[in-house]
Amino acid sequence: MKMLFRVGIVMILGGVCALALPREGILEGSTRIIPFFALLMAGVLPAMMQTVTVLKGDDLSPRAVNEYGGALQDQLEFWAALFASALSAVGSLTLAVIIYKAPALIRLPWDYFLDRNFVVDALIFVFGCTAASVFSRVVAAYGGLKSLLKLNLQLAERKSKRAAEVAGKSLTKPTQNEPRIRGL
């Protein structure tokens, strides 16, 4: 609950900050902002794939598989939320640019009119909220990548220890086809 409250505050502050900035500056900057979020989303997809495929179950007890699996599901949800936030930021900013360049009024059913500036400001607010959400998660994303590396190293260490044990046993036990050295 505390985390949700913190994220909500960050998002609202981001939206307010976006509204405080000059509208034209944000809309002009969209040609630079959108590629940034697109690159971020392109980087998150491989991280999601790595999260899904990292656990093979080799040399793990069922309890360890469940434990690692639960942590990896949490991490996958984090990546999905980061991707969705970045996609929302791109979508809202793109819509703001499109509507800003549209006619002054948007006609909706039932003879209701919305002012173009109001709609653009609302979309910029949404952009600010989602952009703040993304930026607040960037540090945690690095932590997520570090935890994937740690898990990979743990699994590799277990596998190499198991291979060393098997190799050590085969060196100490003579096989049936191997000649035995007898004393003089």
Protein backbone atom coordinates (compact mmCIF):
# COMPACT_ATOMS: atom_id res chain seq x y z
CA MET A 1 0.00 0.00 0.00
CA LYS A 2 2.86 2.33 0.87
CA MET A 3 4.51 1.64 -2.51
CA LEU A 4 1.26 2.35 -4.35
CA PHE A 5 0.88 5.64 -2.51
CA ARG A 6 4.47 6.63 -3.37
CA VAL A 7 3.99 5.80 -7.04
CA GLY A 8 0.72 7.75 -7.08
CA ILE A 9 2.40 10.84 -5.60
CA VAL A 10 5.25 10.59 -8.13
CA MET A 11 2.78 10.29 -11.00
CA ILE A 12 0.68 13.26 -9.88
CA LEU A 13 3.80 15.39 -9.41
CA GLY A 14 4.96 14.35 -12.87
CA GLY A 15 1.65 15.36 -14.38
CA VAL A 16 1.67 18.73 -12.62
CA CYS A 17 5.27 19.36 -13.73
CA ALA A 18 4.35 18.51 -17.31
CA LEU A 19 1.50 21.03 -17.18
CA ALA A 20 3.85 23.67 -15.72
CA LEU A 21 6.20 23.37 -18.69
CA PRO A 22 5.36 25.27 -21.87
CA ARG A 23 2.96 23.19 -23.96
CA GLU A 24 4.71 24.07 -27.22
CA GLY A 25 8.07 22.99 -25.78
CA ILE A 26 6.78 19.56 -24.85
CA LEU A 27 5.06 19.12 -28.19
CA GLU A 28 8.16 20.22 -30.10
CA GLY A 29 10.33 18.02 -27.89
CA SER A 30 8.17 15.01 -28.70
CA THR A 31 10.46 14.21 -31.64
CA ARG A 32 13.20 13.60 -29.09
CA ILE A 33 11.13 12.27 -26.20
CA ILE A 34 9.30 9.54 -28.11
CA PRO A 35 12.47 7.86 -29.46
CA PHE A 36 13.86 7.77 -25.90
CA PHE A 37 10.83 5.86 -24.64
CA ALA A 38 10.90 3.64 -27.74
CA LEU A 39 14.50 2.68 -26.99
CA LEU A 40 13.57 2.00 -23.40
CA MET A 41 10.73 -0.28 -24.49
CA ALA A 42 13.05 -2.04 -26.96
CA GLY A 43 15.42 -2.76 -24.09
CA VAL A 44 12.71 -4.01 -21.76
CA LEU A 45 11.50 -6.71 -24.17
CA PRO A 46 14.78 -8.71 -24.08
CA ALA A 47 14.83 -8.35 -20.29
CA MET A 48 11.33 -9.83 -20.20
CA MET A 49 12.47 -12.73 -22.40
CA GLN A 50 15.50 -13.32 -20.20
CA THR A 51 13.27 -13.34 -17.12
CA VAL A 52 10.96 -15.90 -18.69
CA THR A 53 13.75 -18.23 -19.86
CA VAL A 54 16.39 -17.95 -17.13
CA LEU A 55 15.11 -20.83 -15.00
CA LYS A 56 15.80 -24.27 -16.44
CA GLY A 57 15.33 -26.38 -13.30
CA ASP A 58 18.75 -28.04 -13.61
CA ASP A 59 20.03 -29.17 -10.23
CA LEU A 60 17.27 -27.36 -8.33
CA SER A 61 14.95 -28.75 -5.72
CA PRO A 62 11.21 -28.26 -6.24
CA ARG A 63 11.24 -25.75 -3.37
CA ALA A 64 14.00 -23.73 -5.04
CA VAL A 65 12.15 -23.81 -8.37
CA ASN A 66 9.02 -22.45 -6.68
CA GLU A 67 11.01 -19.81 -4.81
CA TYR A 68 12.89 -18.64 -7.89
CA GLY A 69 9.74 -18.92 -10.00
CA GLY A 70 7.78 -16.63 -7.69
CA ALA A 71 10.56 -14.03 -7.71
CA LEU A 72 10.80 -14.21 -11.49
CA GLN A 73 7.03 -13.74 -11.83
CA ASP A 74 7.28 -10.61 -9.69
CA GLN A 75 10.12 -9.37 -11.85
CA LEU A 76 8.17 -10.09 -15.05
CA GLU A 77 5.27 -8.03 -13.68
CA PHE A 78 7.71 -5.20 -13.00
CA TRP A 79 9.02 -5.32 -16.59
CA ALA A 80 5.46 -5.41 -17.95
CA ALA A 81 4.46 -2.37 -15.85
CA LEU A 82 7.56 -0.49 -17.03
CA PHE A 83 6.77 -1.35 -20.65
CA ALA A 84 3.10 -0.35 -20.26
CA SER A 85 4.05 2.95 -18.61
CA ALA A 86 6.49 3.80 -21.38
CA LEU A 87 3.91 2.84 -24.02
CA SER A 88 1.31 5.04 -22.30
CA ALA A 89 3.75 7.94 -22.23
CA VAL A 90 4.45 7.57 -25.95
CA GLY A 91 0.76 7.14 -26.79
CA SER A 92 -0.46 10.13 -24.80
CA LEU A 93 2.26 12.41 -26.14
CA THR A 94 1.63 11.26 -29.71
CA LEU A 95 -2.10 11.91 -29.31
CA ALA A 96 -1.38 15.33 -27.82
CA VAL A 97 0.69 16.26 -30.90
CA ILE A 98 -1.98 14.96 -33.28
CA ILE A 99 -4.80 16.80 -31.53
CA TYR A 100 -2.74 19.98 -31.18
CA LYS A 101 -2.38 20.08 -34.94
CA ALA A 102 -6.07 19.23 -35.47
CA PRO A 103 -8.88 21.78 -35.81
CA ALA A 104 -9.67 23.96 -32.79
CA LEU A 105 -12.73 21.97 -31.73
CA ILE A 106 -13.39 18.26 -31.55
CA ARG A 107 -17.04 17.41 -31.99
CA LEU A 108 -18.32 14.53 -29.92
CA PRO A 109 -21.78 12.94 -30.00
CA TRP A 110 -24.72 14.75 -28.36
CA ASP A 111 -23.53 18.19 -29.48
CA TYR A 112 -20.79 18.28 -26.86
CA PHE A 113 -17.65 20.20 -27.72
CA LEU A 114 -14.23 19.90 -26.18
CA ASP A 115 -11.68 22.62 -26.54
CA ARG A 116 -8.54 21.41 -28.27
CA ASN A 117 -6.31 23.04 -25.64
CA PHE A 118 -8.13 21.23 -22.82
CA VAL A 119 -7.66 17.87 -24.51
CA VAL A 120 -3.99 18.57 -25.24
CA ASP A 121 -3.42 19.65 -21.64
CA ALA A 122 -5.15 16.51 -20.35
CA LEU A 123 -2.96 14.34 -22.57
CA ILE A 124 0.17 16.21 -21.47
CA PHE A 125 -0.89 15.58 -17.86
CA VAL A 126 -1.22 11.84 -18.62
CA PHE A 127 2.16 11.94 -20.36
CA GLY A 128 3.72 13.58 -17.30
CA CYS A 129 2.19 10.98 -14.99
CA THR A 130 3.36 8.01 -17.02
CA ALA A 131 6.79 9.53 -17.75
CA ALA A 132 7.31 10.10 -14.01
CA SER A 133 6.30 6.51 -13.39
CA VAL A 134 8.89 5.31 -15.90
CA PHE A 135 11.65 7.52 -14.50
CA SER A 136 10.90 6.43 -10.94
CA ARG A 137 11.38 2.79 -12.00
CA VAL A 138 14.63 3.18 -13.96
CA VAL A 139 16.85 2.62 -10.91
CA ALA A 140 14.78 -0.40 -9.93
CA ALA A 141 15.16 -1.73 -13.48
CA TYR A 142 18.92 -1.79 -12.98
CA GLY A 143 18.35 -3.73 -9.77
CA GLY A 144 16.19 -6.17 -11.71
CA LEU A 145 18.95 -6.77 -14.22
CA LYS A 146 21.45 -7.28 -11.40
CA SER A 147 19.16 -9.84 -9.77
CA LEU A 148 18.90 -11.73 -13.09
CA LEU A 149 22.69 -11.77 -13.29
CA LYS A 150 22.93 -13.01 -9.70
CA LEU A 151 20.44 -15.79 -10.41
CA ASN A 152 22.33 -16.80 -13.58
CA LEU A 153 25.58 -16.90 -11.62
CA GLN A 154 24.02 -19.01 -8.85
CA LEU A 155 22.63 -21.48 -11.36
CA ALA A 156 25.93 -21.65 -13.25
CA GLU A 157 27.81 -22.19 -9.98
CA ARG A 158 25.51 -25.06 -9.00
CA LYS A 159 25.89 -26.64 -12.41
CA SER A 160 29.68 -26.30 -12.39
CA LYS A 161 29.92 -27.75 -8.86
CA ARG A 162 27.78 -30.69 -9.92
CA ALA A 163 29.97 -31.22 -13.01
CA ALA A 164 33.12 -31.01 -10.87
CA GLU A 165 31.71 -33.58 -8.42
CA VAL A 166 30.86 -35.94 -11.26
CA ALA A 167 34.29 -35.44 -12.83
CA GLY A 168 35.97 -35.96 -9.44
CA LYS A 169 34.11 -39.21 -8.85
CA SER A 170 35.04 -40.53 -12.26
CA LEU A 171 38.73 -39.80 -11.58
CA THR A 172 38.76 -41.63 -8.25
CA LYS A 173 36.77 -44.71 -9.26
CA PRO A 174 38.27 -46.98 -11.87
CA THR A 175 35.84 -48.22 -14.45
CA GLN A 176 35.47 -51.89 -15.37
CA ASN A 177 37.38 -51.49 -18.62
CA GLU A 178 40.22 -49.62 -16.98
CA PRO A 179 43.23 -51.73 -15.93
CA ARG A 180 44.08 -51.72 -12.24
CA ILE A 181 47.62 -51.18 -11.05
CA ARG A 182 48.71 -53.89 -8.69
CA GLY A 183 51.38 -53.64 -6.13
CA LEU A 184 54.78 -55.38 -6.62
